[in-house]
Amino acid sequence: MRTLADITALRLVERGVADEKALRTSFVLTRGYLHMTRGQCLDLSFEDTLDIKLEEYLSMISFKTGDLIRCGLEMGALIASNDENVIAAFARCGSSLGRAFQIRDDVLGIWGDETATGKAVGNDIRRKKKSFPIVYALETAADTARQKLVEIYSKDELDERDVEDVLTVLDELGVADYAQEMTREKADLALQEVSRVTMPSWARREIEEMVEFLAARQY
């Protein structure tokens, strides 16, 4: 997939894109690979610790998922426009949208409807994944609740009672609602970043619909 992406970027000149712009697009794509790899490495490093701050988690997803979507929007704007302000606005929009996408994904990984996601409720808990809800709970839970989470996530394997106990802690902290508030905040910021960009009404409507879908998706 990476090879196909590289070839496609470098062949932009065959579609009438200037050499300099095609080369810059290729650079944006390659930088995206690097940032995604950095984010993935950070994500893997979280598997071996429970001492993760929410700020660290948000930094991780800004590289991993944030840069994935940022890359796509920035390349599109770069090819379509010569206005550096427009290109930068779409890049920032993509970064915020990527974070909204990932936090929503984390919500679905725990509370998603099995008929829509194809995964059982609490699936990410069973996998002991350090997703947004868990990181937030570890940082904000009172001593007793936090200790309960630490004990459970220190086990080699979790049973259904463990999953229920974690869900109880998350519910008591109102984590699902907070995570969705964060999703909405990042989605609104994504739209705000391109609010001053001049574009046809159909294009603005499509980006608004895309952002809304990603922020409220059920699968």
N, C-alpha and C. Protein backbone atom coordinates (compact mmCIF):
# COMPACT_ATOMS: atom_id res chain seq x y z
N MET A 1 0.83 -1.20 0.00
CA MET A 1 0.00 0.00 0.00
C MET A 1 0.86 1.25 0.00
N ARG A 2 1.96 1.20 0.76
CA ARG A 2 2.84 2.37 0.79
C ARG A 2 3.47 2.59 -0.58
N THR A 3 3.88 1.51 -1.23
CA THR A 3 4.49 1.63 -2.55
C THR A 3 3.52 2.24 -3.55
N LEU A 4 2.27 1.79 -3.51
CA LEU A 4 1.25 2.35 -4.41
C LEU A 4 1.02 3.83 -4.13
N ALA A 5 1.01 4.19 -2.84
CA ALA A 5 0.83 5.59 -2.47
C ALA A 5 1.99 6.44 -2.98
N ASP A 6 3.21 5.94 -2.83
CA ASP A 6 4.39 6.68 -3.29
C ASP A 6 4.35 6.89 -4.80
N ILE A 7 4.02 5.81 -5.51
CA ILE A 7 3.97 5.90 -6.97
C ILE A 7 2.90 6.90 -7.42
N THR A 8 1.74 6.84 -6.76
CA THR A 8 0.65 7.75 -7.11
C THR A 8 1.05 9.20 -6.90
N ALA A 9 1.72 9.48 -5.77
CA ALA A 9 2.15 10.86 -5.50
C ALA A 9 3.17 11.34 -6.52
N LEU A 10 4.11 10.48 -6.87
CA LEU A 10 5.16 10.87 -7.80
C LEU A 10 4.65 10.98 -9.24
N ARG A 11 3.51 10.35 -9.53
CA ARG A 11 2.95 10.42 -10.88
C ARG A 11 1.94 11.55 -11.04
N LEU A 12 1.86 12.40 -10.03
CA LEU A 12 0.94 13.54 -10.13
C LEU A 12 1.26 14.42 -11.32
N VAL A 13 2.54 14.48 -11.70
CA VAL A 13 2.93 15.33 -12.83
C VAL A 13 2.24 14.87 -14.12
N GLU A 14 1.90 13.58 -14.18
CA GLU A 14 1.21 13.06 -15.36
C GLU A 14 -0.23 13.56 -15.43
N ARG A 15 -0.72 14.06 -14.28
CA ARG A 15 -2.09 14.60 -14.22
C ARG A 15 -2.09 16.12 -14.28
N GLY A 16 -0.94 16.69 -14.64
CA GLY A 16 -0.86 18.13 -14.82
C GLY A 16 -0.41 18.92 -13.60
N VAL A 17 -0.01 18.22 -12.52
CA VAL A 17 0.47 18.90 -11.32
C VAL A 17 1.94 19.29 -11.53
N ALA A 18 2.29 20.50 -11.15
CA ALA A 18 3.66 20.98 -11.32
C ALA A 18 4.65 20.10 -10.56
N ASP A 19 5.86 19.99 -11.09
CA ASP A 19 6.88 19.13 -10.49
C ASP A 19 7.10 19.47 -9.02
N GLU A 20 7.25 20.77 -8.73
CA GLU A 20 7.54 21.19 -7.37
C GLU A 20 6.40 20.81 -6.41
N LYS A 21 5.17 20.97 -6.88
CA LYS A 21 4.01 20.64 -6.05
C LYS A 21 3.91 19.13 -5.84
N ALA A 22 4.19 18.36 -6.89
CA ALA A 22 4.15 16.90 -6.78
C ALA A 22 5.20 16.41 -5.78
N LEU A 23 6.39 17.03 -5.83
CA LEU A 23 7.45 16.64 -4.91
C LEU A 23 7.07 17.00 -3.47
N ARG A 24 6.46 18.15 -3.29
CA ARG A 24 6.04 18.57 -1.95
C ARG A 24 4.94 17.64 -1.42
N THR A 25 4.03 17.24 -2.30
CA THR A 25 2.99 16.30 -1.90
C THR A 25 3.61 14.98 -1.44
N SER A 26 4.61 14.53 -2.17
CA SER A 26 5.31 13.30 -1.79
C SER A 26 5.98 13.45 -0.43
N PHE A 27 6.52 14.63 -0.16
CA PHE A 27 7.14 14.89 1.14
C PHE A 27 6.12 14.82 2.26
N VAL A 28 4.94 15.42 2.06
CA VAL A 28 3.88 15.40 3.06
C VAL A 28 3.48 13.95 3.36
N LEU A 29 3.38 13.14 2.32
CA LEU A 29 3.02 11.73 2.48
C LEU A 29 4.09 10.98 3.27
N THR A 30 5.35 11.20 2.93
CA THR A 30 6.44 10.51 3.62
C THR A 30 6.53 10.96 5.08
N ARG A 31 6.33 12.24 5.34
CA ARG A 31 6.31 12.74 6.71
C ARG A 31 5.17 12.09 7.49
N GLY A 32 4.05 11.87 6.81
CA GLY A 32 2.93 11.20 7.44
C GLY A 32 3.28 9.79 7.87
N TYR A 33 4.02 9.06 7.02
CA TYR A 33 4.48 7.72 7.40
C TYR A 33 5.28 7.78 8.70
N LEU A 34 6.22 8.72 8.74
CA LEU A 34 7.11 8.84 9.89
C LEU A 34 6.34 9.13 11.17
N HIS A 35 5.40 10.08 11.10
CA HIS A 35 4.63 10.44 12.28
C HIS A 35 3.72 9.30 12.73
N MET A 36 3.13 8.59 11.76
CA MET A 36 2.28 7.46 12.12
C MET A 36 3.10 6.36 12.81
N THR A 37 4.31 6.13 12.31
CA THR A 37 5.18 5.13 12.92
C THR A 37 5.56 5.54 14.34
N ARG A 38 5.83 6.82 14.51
CA ARG A 38 6.15 7.32 15.86
C ARG A 38 4.96 7.11 16.80
N GLY A 39 3.76 7.42 16.32
CA GLY A 39 2.57 7.23 17.12
C GLY A 39 2.34 5.77 17.46
N GLN A 40 2.57 4.88 16.50
CA GLN A 40 2.40 3.45 16.75
C GLN A 40 3.40 2.97 17.79
N CYS A 41 4.63 3.45 17.72
CA CYS A 41 5.65 3.06 18.71
C CYS A 41 5.25 3.53 20.11
N LEU A 42 4.73 4.74 20.21
CA LEU A 42 4.26 5.25 21.50
C LEU A 42 3.11 4.40 22.02
N ASP A 43 2.19 4.03 21.11
CA ASP A 43 1.04 3.21 21.49
C ASP A 43 1.52 1.87 22.04
N LEU A 44 2.48 1.25 21.38
CA LEU A 44 3.02 -0.03 21.83
C LEU A 44 3.72 0.10 23.18
N SER A 45 4.36 1.24 23.39
CA SER A 45 5.06 1.44 24.67
C SER A 45 4.09 1.54 25.83
N PHE A 46 2.84 1.93 25.56
CA PHE A 46 1.83 2.04 26.60
C PHE A 46 1.40 0.67 27.12
N GLU A 47 1.67 -0.39 26.34
CA GLU A 47 1.25 -1.72 26.75
C GLU A 47 1.97 -2.18 28.02
N ASP A 48 3.14 -1.61 28.29
CA ASP A 48 3.96 -2.07 29.41
C ASP A 48 3.87 -1.18 30.64
N THR A 49 2.93 -0.24 30.64
CA THR A 49 2.82 0.65 31.80
C THR A 49 1.38 1.07 32.04
N LEU A 50 1.09 1.39 33.29
CA LEU A 50 -0.21 1.95 33.64
C LEU A 50 -0.08 3.42 34.02
N ASP A 51 1.14 3.91 33.98
CA ASP A 51 1.41 5.31 34.33
C ASP A 51 1.40 6.16 33.05
N ILE A 52 0.20 6.34 32.51
CA ILE A 52 0.02 7.09 31.26
C ILE A 52 -0.85 8.31 31.55
N LYS A 53 -0.37 9.46 31.20
CA LYS A 53 -1.14 10.68 31.38
C LYS A 53 -2.00 10.93 30.14
N LEU A 54 -3.14 11.57 30.36
CA LEU A 54 -4.04 11.85 29.25
C LEU A 54 -3.35 12.70 28.19
N GLU A 55 -2.52 13.61 28.62
CA GLU A 55 -1.77 14.46 27.69
C GLU A 55 -0.86 13.61 26.79
N GLU A 56 -0.26 12.57 27.38
CA GLU A 56 0.61 11.68 26.61
C GLU A 56 -0.21 10.89 25.59
N TYR A 57 -1.38 10.45 26.01
CA TYR A 57 -2.25 9.71 25.12
C TYR A 57 -2.68 10.59 23.94
N LEU A 58 -3.08 11.82 24.21
CA LEU A 58 -3.52 12.73 23.16
C LEU A 58 -2.37 13.06 22.20
N SER A 59 -1.16 13.13 22.73
CA SER A 59 0.01 13.34 21.89
C SER A 59 0.21 12.15 20.96
N MET A 60 0.05 10.95 21.52
CA MET A 60 0.22 9.73 20.74
C MET A 60 -0.76 9.68 19.57
N ILE A 61 -2.05 9.95 19.83
CA ILE A 61 -3.03 9.85 18.74
C ILE A 61 -2.89 11.01 17.75
N SER A 62 -2.28 12.12 18.18
CA SER A 62 -2.06 13.22 17.24
C SER A 62 -1.05 12.80 16.17
N PHE A 63 -0.13 11.90 16.53
CA PHE A 63 0.82 11.36 15.55
C PHE A 63 0.19 10.20 14.78
N LYS A 64 -0.40 9.27 15.52
CA LYS A 64 -0.87 8.03 14.91
C LYS A 64 -2.07 8.23 13.99
N THR A 65 -3.19 8.67 14.53
CA THR A 65 -4.40 8.85 13.73
C THR A 65 -4.52 10.28 13.23
N GLY A 66 -4.10 11.23 14.05
CA GLY A 66 -4.19 12.64 13.67
C GLY A 66 -3.42 12.92 12.39
N ASP A 67 -2.21 12.38 12.30
CA ASP A 67 -1.40 12.68 11.12
C ASP A 67 -1.86 11.90 9.90
N LEU A 68 -2.52 10.76 10.12
CA LEU A 68 -3.06 10.01 8.99
C LEU A 68 -4.10 10.84 8.25
N ILE A 69 -5.05 11.41 8.99
CA ILE A 69 -6.10 12.20 8.35
C ILE A 69 -5.58 13.57 7.95
N ARG A 70 -4.69 14.13 8.76
CA ARG A 70 -4.06 15.41 8.40
C ARG A 70 -3.38 15.29 7.04
N CYS A 71 -2.68 14.20 6.85
CA CYS A 71 -1.93 13.97 5.62
C CYS A 71 -2.86 14.00 4.40
N GLY A 72 -3.98 13.30 4.49
CA GLY A 72 -4.91 13.26 3.38
C GLY A 72 -5.49 14.62 3.04
N LEU A 73 -5.92 15.36 4.06
CA LEU A 73 -6.51 16.68 3.81
C LEU A 73 -5.46 17.68 3.33
N GLU A 74 -4.27 17.60 3.88
CA GLU A 74 -3.22 18.54 3.48
C GLU A 74 -2.80 18.30 2.03
N MET A 75 -2.69 17.03 1.64
CA MET A 75 -2.31 16.74 0.25
C MET A 75 -3.39 17.21 -0.72
N GLY A 76 -4.65 16.99 -0.35
CA GLY A 76 -5.73 17.44 -1.22
C GLY A 76 -5.72 18.94 -1.41
N ALA A 77 -5.53 19.66 -0.31
CA ALA A 77 -5.49 21.13 -0.38
C ALA A 77 -4.26 21.61 -1.16
N LEU A 78 -3.16 20.92 -0.98
CA LEU A 78 -1.92 21.30 -1.66
C LEU A 78 -2.06 21.16 -3.17
N ILE A 79 -2.71 20.09 -3.59
CA ILE A 79 -2.90 19.87 -5.03
C ILE A 79 -3.91 20.86 -5.61
N ALA A 80 -4.93 21.20 -4.82
CA ALA A 80 -6.03 22.03 -5.33
C ALA A 80 -5.81 23.53 -5.19
N SER A 81 -4.88 23.93 -4.32
CA SER A 81 -4.75 25.36 -4.03
C SER A 81 -3.29 25.80 -3.99
N ASN A 82 -3.09 27.07 -4.27
CA ASN A 82 -1.76 27.67 -4.14
C ASN A 82 -1.69 28.59 -2.92
N ASP A 83 -2.77 28.66 -2.19
CA ASP A 83 -2.86 29.53 -1.02
C ASP A 83 -2.34 28.78 0.21
N GLU A 84 -1.23 29.26 0.76
CA GLU A 84 -0.62 28.57 1.90
C GLU A 84 -1.53 28.58 3.12
N ASN A 85 -2.34 29.60 3.25
CA ASN A 85 -3.27 29.66 4.39
C ASN A 85 -4.34 28.58 4.27
N VAL A 86 -4.80 28.33 3.07
CA VAL A 86 -5.80 27.27 2.84
C VAL A 86 -5.19 25.91 3.12
N ILE A 87 -3.98 25.69 2.64
CA ILE A 87 -3.30 24.40 2.85
C ILE A 87 -3.11 24.15 4.34
N ALA A 88 -2.66 25.18 5.06
CA ALA A 88 -2.43 25.04 6.50
C ALA A 88 -3.74 24.79 7.25
N ALA A 89 -4.83 25.45 6.81
CA ALA A 89 -6.13 25.29 7.46
C ALA A 89 -6.63 23.86 7.32
N PHE A 90 -6.49 23.28 6.13
CA PHE A 90 -6.94 21.90 5.94
C PHE A 90 -6.05 20.92 6.69
N ALA A 91 -4.77 21.24 6.82
CA ALA A 91 -3.87 20.38 7.60
C ALA A 91 -4.30 20.37 9.07
N ARG A 92 -4.59 21.53 9.61
CA ARG A 92 -5.03 21.61 11.01
C ARG A 92 -6.39 20.94 11.19
N CYS A 93 -7.25 21.10 10.21
CA CYS A 93 -8.56 20.45 10.24
C CYS A 93 -8.38 18.94 10.31
N GLY A 94 -7.51 18.40 9.49
CA GLY A 94 -7.26 16.96 9.48
C GLY A 94 -6.70 16.45 10.78
N SER A 95 -5.81 17.22 11.39
CA SER A 95 -5.23 16.82 12.67
C SER A 95 -6.29 16.72 13.75
N SER A 96 -7.16 17.73 13.83
CA SER A 96 -8.23 17.70 14.84
C SER A 96 -9.23 16.59 14.54
N LEU A 97 -9.54 16.41 13.27
CA LEU A 97 -10.49 15.37 12.89
C LEU A 97 -9.94 13.98 13.21
N GLY A 98 -8.63 13.80 13.03
CA GLY A 98 -8.01 12.51 13.36
C GLY A 98 -8.13 12.18 14.83
N ARG A 99 -7.97 13.20 15.68
CA ARG A 99 -8.12 12.96 17.12
C ARG A 99 -9.57 12.66 17.48
N ALA A 100 -10.49 13.36 16.85
CA ALA A 100 -11.91 13.07 17.08
C ALA A 100 -12.24 11.65 16.66
N PHE A 101 -11.72 11.25 15.52
CA PHE A 101 -11.95 9.89 15.02
C PHE A 101 -11.46 8.84 16.01
N GLN A 102 -10.24 9.04 16.54
CA GLN A 102 -9.65 8.03 17.42
C GLN A 102 -10.37 7.95 18.76
N ILE A 103 -10.74 9.09 19.32
CA ILE A 103 -11.45 9.06 20.61
C ILE A 103 -12.81 8.39 20.44
N ARG A 104 -13.49 8.69 19.34
CA ARG A 104 -14.77 8.02 19.07
C ARG A 104 -14.56 6.52 18.89
N ASP A 105 -13.48 6.16 18.22
CA ASP A 105 -13.15 4.75 18.03
C ASP A 105 -12.94 4.05 19.37
N ASP A 106 -12.31 4.75 20.30
CA ASP A 106 -12.08 4.19 21.63
C ASP A 106 -13.40 4.01 22.39
N VAL A 107 -14.32 4.92 22.20
CA VAL A 107 -15.65 4.79 22.82
C VAL A 107 -16.35 3.54 22.28
N LEU A 108 -16.31 3.37 20.96
CA LEU A 108 -16.96 2.22 20.34
C LEU A 108 -16.29 0.91 20.75
N GLY A 109 -14.99 0.97 21.04
CA GLY A 109 -14.26 -0.22 21.44
C GLY A 109 -14.69 -0.76 22.79
N ILE A 110 -15.37 0.06 23.55
CA ILE A 110 -15.86 -0.37 24.87
C ILE A 110 -17.38 -0.43 24.91
N TRP A 111 -18.05 0.60 24.40
CA TRP A 111 -19.52 0.68 24.52
C TRP A 111 -20.26 0.50 23.20
N GLY A 112 -19.55 0.19 22.12
CA GLY A 112 -20.21 0.08 20.83
C GLY A 112 -21.24 -1.04 20.77
N ASP A 113 -22.26 -0.83 19.96
CA ASP A 113 -23.31 -1.82 19.75
C ASP A 113 -22.73 -2.98 18.94
N GLU A 114 -22.80 -4.19 19.51
CA GLU A 114 -22.20 -5.35 18.87
C GLU A 114 -22.75 -5.60 17.47
N THR A 115 -24.04 -5.31 17.27
CA THR A 115 -24.64 -5.53 15.95
C THR A 115 -24.09 -4.57 14.90
N ALA A 116 -23.57 -3.43 15.35
CA ALA A 116 -23.01 -2.44 14.42
C ALA A 116 -21.51 -2.59 14.26
N THR A 117 -20.81 -2.86 15.37
CA THR A 117 -19.34 -2.92 15.33
C THR A 117 -18.82 -4.32 15.05
N GLY A 118 -19.65 -5.33 15.33
CA GLY A 118 -19.18 -6.71 15.18
C GLY A 118 -18.32 -7.15 16.34
N LYS A 119 -18.23 -6.34 17.39
CA LYS A 119 -17.43 -6.67 18.56
C LYS A 119 -18.28 -6.56 19.82
N ALA A 120 -18.00 -7.43 20.79
CA ALA A 120 -18.78 -7.43 22.02
C ALA A 120 -18.49 -6.18 22.84
N VAL A 121 -19.48 -5.75 23.64
CA VAL A 121 -19.28 -4.64 24.56
C VAL A 121 -18.11 -4.97 25.48
N GLY A 122 -17.22 -4.00 25.67
CA GLY A 122 -16.05 -4.22 26.52
C GLY A 122 -14.90 -4.92 25.83
N ASN A 123 -14.95 -4.99 24.49
CA ASN A 123 -13.92 -5.71 23.75
C ASN A 123 -12.51 -5.18 24.03
N ASP A 124 -12.35 -3.86 24.04
CA ASP A 124 -11.01 -3.28 24.29
C ASP A 124 -10.55 -3.50 25.73
N ILE A 125 -11.50 -3.69 26.64
CA ILE A 125 -11.14 -4.00 28.03
C ILE A 125 -10.55 -5.40 28.09
N ARG A 126 -11.19 -6.34 27.42
CA ARG A 126 -10.68 -7.72 27.40
C ARG A 126 -9.26 -7.77 26.84
N ARG A 127 -8.98 -6.89 25.89
CA ARG A 127 -7.64 -6.85 25.28
C ARG A 127 -6.67 -6.02 26.12
N LYS A 128 -7.16 -5.45 27.20
CA LYS A 128 -6.36 -4.59 28.09
C LYS A 128 -5.75 -3.41 27.33
N LYS A 129 -6.50 -2.90 26.36
CA LYS A 129 -6.02 -1.79 25.57
C LYS A 129 -6.08 -0.50 26.37
N LYS A 130 -5.00 0.28 26.33
CA LYS A 130 -4.94 1.55 27.05
C LYS A 130 -5.53 2.65 26.18
N SER A 131 -6.83 2.60 26.00
CA SER A 131 -7.53 3.56 25.16
C SER A 131 -7.91 4.79 25.99
N PHE A 132 -8.51 5.77 25.32
CA PHE A 132 -8.86 7.03 25.99
C PHE A 132 -9.65 6.81 27.28
N PRO A 133 -10.72 6.00 27.29
CA PRO A 133 -11.49 5.84 28.54
C PRO A 133 -10.67 5.30 29.70
N ILE A 134 -9.79 4.36 29.41
CA ILE A 134 -8.98 3.76 30.48
C ILE A 134 -7.93 4.74 30.99
N VAL A 135 -7.27 5.42 30.08
CA VAL A 135 -6.25 6.40 30.49
C VAL A 135 -6.88 7.50 31.32
N TYR A 136 -8.05 7.98 30.88
CA TYR A 136 -8.75 9.02 31.63
C TYR A 136 -9.14 8.52 33.01
N ALA A 137 -9.65 7.30 33.08
CA ALA A 137 -10.06 6.73 34.37
C ALA A 137 -8.88 6.55 35.31
N LEU A 138 -7.76 6.08 34.80
CA LEU A 138 -6.57 5.90 35.63
C LEU A 138 -6.06 7.23 36.18
N GLU A 139 -6.26 8.30 35.42
CA GLU A 139 -5.78 9.61 35.84
C GLU A 139 -6.73 10.30 36.81
N THR A 140 -8.02 10.01 36.72
CA THR A 140 -9.00 10.76 37.51
C THR A 140 -9.69 9.97 38.62
N ALA A 141 -9.61 8.65 38.59
CA ALA A 141 -10.31 7.85 39.59
C ALA A 141 -9.73 8.06 40.98
N ALA A 142 -10.58 7.96 41.99
CA ALA A 142 -10.14 8.02 43.38
C ALA A 142 -9.27 6.80 43.68
N ASP A 143 -8.55 6.84 44.81
CA ASP A 143 -7.56 5.81 45.12
C ASP A 143 -8.10 4.39 45.02
N THR A 144 -9.26 4.14 45.62
CA THR A 144 -9.81 2.78 45.65
C THR A 144 -10.15 2.29 44.25
N ALA A 145 -10.84 3.14 43.47
CA ALA A 145 -11.22 2.78 42.12
C ALA A 145 -10.00 2.61 41.22
N ARG A 146 -9.01 3.50 41.39
CA ARG A 146 -7.81 3.40 40.57
C ARG A 146 -7.06 2.12 40.88
N GLN A 147 -6.97 1.79 42.17
CA GLN A 147 -6.28 0.56 42.56
C GLN A 147 -6.97 -0.66 41.96
N LYS A 148 -8.29 -0.61 41.88
CA LYS A 148 -9.05 -1.70 41.29
C LYS A 148 -8.68 -1.87 39.82
N LEU A 149 -8.59 -0.74 39.12
CA LEU A 149 -8.21 -0.78 37.72
C LEU A 149 -6.78 -1.32 37.54
N VAL A 150 -5.88 -0.87 38.39
CA VAL A 150 -4.49 -1.32 38.32
C VAL A 150 -4.41 -2.82 38.54
N GLU A 151 -5.13 -3.32 39.52
CA GLU A 151 -5.12 -4.76 39.81
C GLU A 151 -5.63 -5.56 38.61
N ILE A 152 -6.72 -5.08 38.03
CA ILE A 152 -7.30 -5.80 36.90
C ILE A 152 -6.37 -5.78 35.69
N TYR A 153 -5.83 -4.60 35.38
CA TYR A 153 -4.97 -4.48 34.19
C TYR A 153 -3.58 -5.07 34.40
N SER A 154 -3.28 -5.50 35.62
CA SER A 154 -2.01 -6.17 35.88
C SER A 154 -2.11 -7.68 35.68
N LYS A 155 -3.32 -8.18 35.47
CA LYS A 155 -3.52 -9.60 35.24
C LYS A 155 -3.10 -9.99 33.82
N ASP A 156 -2.74 -11.26 33.67
CA ASP A 156 -2.39 -11.75 32.33
C ASP A 156 -3.61 -11.82 31.43
N GLU A 157 -4.72 -12.29 31.99
CA GLU A 157 -5.97 -12.39 31.24
C GLU A 157 -7.12 -11.92 32.11
N LEU A 158 -8.13 -11.35 31.47
CA LEU A 158 -9.28 -10.84 32.20
C LEU A 158 -10.49 -11.75 31.97
N ASP A 159 -11.27 -11.94 33.03
CA ASP A 159 -12.51 -12.68 32.87
C ASP A 159 -13.68 -11.70 32.80
N GLU A 160 -14.90 -12.24 32.66
CA GLU A 160 -16.06 -11.38 32.50
C GLU A 160 -16.33 -10.53 33.73
N ARG A 161 -15.99 -11.04 34.91
CA ARG A 161 -16.16 -10.25 36.13
C ARG A 161 -15.25 -9.03 36.11
N ASP A 162 -14.03 -9.22 35.62
CA ASP A 162 -13.10 -8.09 35.51
C ASP A 162 -13.65 -7.03 34.57
N VAL A 163 -14.18 -7.47 33.44
CA VAL A 163 -14.74 -6.54 32.47
C VAL A 163 -15.89 -5.74 33.09
N GLU A 164 -16.75 -6.43 33.82
CA GLU A 164 -17.88 -5.76 34.48
C GLU A 164 -17.39 -4.76 35.52
N ASP A 165 -16.34 -5.11 36.26
CA ASP A 165 -15.80 -4.21 37.28
C ASP A 165 -15.23 -2.94 36.65
N VAL A 166 -14.54 -3.11 35.53
CA VAL A 166 -13.98 -1.95 34.83
C VAL A 166 -15.11 -1.07 34.30
N LEU A 167 -16.12 -1.69 33.70
CA LEU A 167 -17.26 -0.93 33.19
C LEU A 167 -17.95 -0.15 34.29
N THR A 168 -18.02 -0.74 35.48
CA THR A 168 -18.64 -0.06 36.61
C THR A 168 -17.86 1.20 36.99
N VAL A 169 -16.54 1.07 37.05
CA VAL A 169 -15.70 2.23 37.38
C VAL A 169 -15.86 3.32 36.32
N LEU A 170 -15.85 2.93 35.06
CA LEU A 170 -15.99 3.90 33.98
C LEU A 170 -17.34 4.61 34.04
N ASP A 171 -18.39 3.84 34.34
CA ASP A 171 -19.73 4.43 34.44
C ASP A 171 -19.81 5.41 35.61
N GLU A 172 -19.22 5.04 36.73
CA GLU A 172 -19.26 5.92 37.90
C GLU A 172 -18.51 7.23 37.65
N LEU A 173 -17.50 7.19 36.81
CA LEU A 173 -16.74 8.40 36.48
C LEU A 173 -17.35 9.19 35.32
N GLY A 174 -18.37 8.63 34.70
CA GLY A 174 -18.98 9.31 33.55
C GLY A 174 -18.05 9.41 32.37
N VAL A 175 -17.22 8.39 32.18
CA VAL A 175 -16.17 8.45 31.15
C VAL A 175 -16.75 8.49 29.74
N ALA A 176 -17.80 7.72 29.49
CA ALA A 176 -18.37 7.69 28.13
C ALA A 176 -18.83 9.08 27.70
N ASP A 177 -19.51 9.78 28.60
CA ASP A 177 -19.99 11.13 28.27
C ASP A 177 -18.83 12.09 28.06
N TYR A 178 -17.80 11.98 28.92
CA TYR A 178 -16.65 12.87 28.80
C TYR A 178 -15.91 12.62 27.48
N ALA A 179 -15.75 11.34 27.13
CA ALA A 179 -15.06 11.00 25.88
C ALA A 179 -15.82 11.55 24.68
N GLN A 180 -17.14 11.48 24.72
CA GLN A 180 -17.91 12.00 23.60
C GLN A 180 -17.85 13.52 23.55
N GLU A 181 -17.76 14.16 24.72
CA GLU A 181 -17.57 15.62 24.75
C GLU A 181 -16.25 16.00 24.09
N MET A 182 -15.22 15.20 24.37
CA MET A 182 -13.92 15.45 23.76
C MET A 182 -13.97 15.23 22.25
N THR A 183 -14.69 14.20 21.84
CA THR A 183 -14.85 13.94 20.41
C THR A 183 -15.51 15.13 19.73
N ARG A 184 -16.59 15.63 20.35
CA ARG A 184 -17.32 16.76 19.80
C ARG A 184 -16.43 18.00 19.75
N GLU A 185 -15.64 18.20 20.80
CA GLU A 185 -14.75 19.37 20.85
C GLU A 185 -13.75 19.35 19.71
N LYS A 186 -13.14 18.18 19.46
CA LYS A 186 -12.15 18.07 18.38
C LYS A 186 -12.82 18.20 17.02
N ALA A 187 -14.04 17.65 16.89
CA ALA A 187 -14.76 17.76 15.63
C ALA A 187 -15.12 19.21 15.33
N ASP A 188 -15.60 19.91 16.34
CA ASP A 188 -15.94 21.33 16.17
C ASP A 188 -14.70 22.15 15.80
N LEU A 189 -13.57 21.81 16.41
CA LEU A 189 -12.34 22.51 16.10
C LEU A 189 -11.93 22.26 14.65
N ALA A 190 -12.14 21.04 14.18
CA ALA A 190 -11.82 20.70 12.79
C ALA A 190 -12.61 21.60 11.83
N LEU A 191 -13.90 21.77 12.10
CA LEU A 191 -14.72 22.62 11.24
C LEU A 191 -14.33 24.09 11.37
N GLN A 192 -13.98 24.47 12.58
CA GLN A 192 -13.56 25.87 12.81
C GLN A 192 -12.32 26.21 12.00
N GLU A 193 -11.42 25.24 11.85
CA GLU A 193 -10.17 25.49 11.13
C GLU A 193 -10.41 25.87 9.67
N VAL A 194 -11.49 25.35 9.07
CA VAL A 194 -11.74 25.65 7.66
C VAL A 194 -12.94 26.58 7.47
N SER A 195 -13.42 27.14 8.58
CA SER A 195 -14.61 27.99 8.50
C SER A 195 -14.39 29.25 7.66
N ARG A 196 -13.14 29.73 7.61
CA ARG A 196 -12.85 30.96 6.86
C ARG A 196 -12.34 30.69 5.45
N VAL A 197 -12.24 29.41 5.12
CA VAL A 197 -11.78 29.06 3.77
C VAL A 197 -12.94 29.19 2.79
N THR A 198 -12.70 29.90 1.68
CA THR A 198 -13.74 30.05 0.66
C THR A 198 -13.85 28.76 -0.14
N MET A 199 -15.06 28.21 -0.21
CA MET A 199 -15.29 26.99 -0.98
C MET A 199 -16.75 26.94 -1.40
N PRO A 200 -17.08 26.17 -2.43
CA PRO A 200 -18.48 26.06 -2.87
C PRO A 200 -19.34 25.50 -1.74
N SER A 201 -20.62 25.84 -1.77
CA SER A 201 -21.53 25.38 -0.71
C SER A 201 -21.59 23.87 -0.64
N TRP A 202 -21.54 23.19 -1.79
CA TRP A 202 -21.60 21.73 -1.78
C TRP A 202 -20.38 21.14 -1.09
N ALA A 203 -19.23 21.78 -1.29
CA ALA A 203 -17.99 21.27 -0.68
C ALA A 203 -18.03 21.46 0.84
N ARG A 204 -18.51 22.62 1.27
CA ARG A 204 -18.62 22.85 2.71
C ARG A 204 -19.61 21.88 3.34
N ARG A 205 -20.69 21.64 2.64
CA ARG A 205 -21.71 20.71 3.15
C ARG A 205 -21.12 19.30 3.28
N GLU A 206 -20.32 18.90 2.30
CA GLU A 206 -19.74 17.56 2.34
C GLU A 206 -18.74 17.42 3.49
N ILE A 207 -17.92 18.43 3.74
CA ILE A 207 -16.97 18.31 4.83
C ILE A 207 -17.68 18.34 6.18
N GLU A 208 -18.75 19.12 6.27
CA GLU A 208 -19.53 19.15 7.52
C GLU A 208 -20.18 17.78 7.77
N GLU A 209 -20.69 17.16 6.72
CA GLU A 209 -21.31 15.85 6.85
C GLU A 209 -20.28 14.79 7.21
N MET A 210 -19.08 14.89 6.63
CA MET A 210 -18.03 13.94 6.94
C MET A 210 -17.61 14.04 8.40
N VAL A 211 -17.41 15.26 8.88
CA VAL A 211 -17.01 15.47 10.27
C VAL A 211 -18.09 14.96 11.21
N GLU A 212 -19.33 15.26 10.91
CA GLU A 212 -20.44 14.82 11.76
C GLU A 212 -20.52 13.30 11.80
N PHE A 213 -20.34 12.67 10.65
CA PHE A 213 -20.37 11.20 10.61
C PHE A 213 -19.27 10.60 11.48
N LEU A 214 -18.05 11.10 11.34
CA LEU A 214 -16.93 10.54 12.09
C LEU A 214 -17.07 10.78 13.58
N ALA A 215 -17.71 11.89 13.97
CA ALA A 215 -17.84 12.22 15.38
C ALA A 215 -18.97 11.45 16.06
N ALA A 216 -19.92 10.96 15.27
CA ALA A 216 -21.09 10.29 15.86
C ALA A 216 -21.30 8.87 15.32
N ARG A 217 -20.33 8.37 14.57
CA ARG A 217 -20.51 7.07 13.93
C ARG A 217 -20.76 5.95 14.95
N GLN A 218 -21.43 4.94 14.49
CA GLN A 218 -21.76 3.80 15.35
C GLN A 218 -20.95 2.56 14.98
N TYR A 219 -20.08 2.68 14.00
CA TYR A 219 -19.25 1.55 13.57
C TYR A 219 -17.94 2.05 13.00
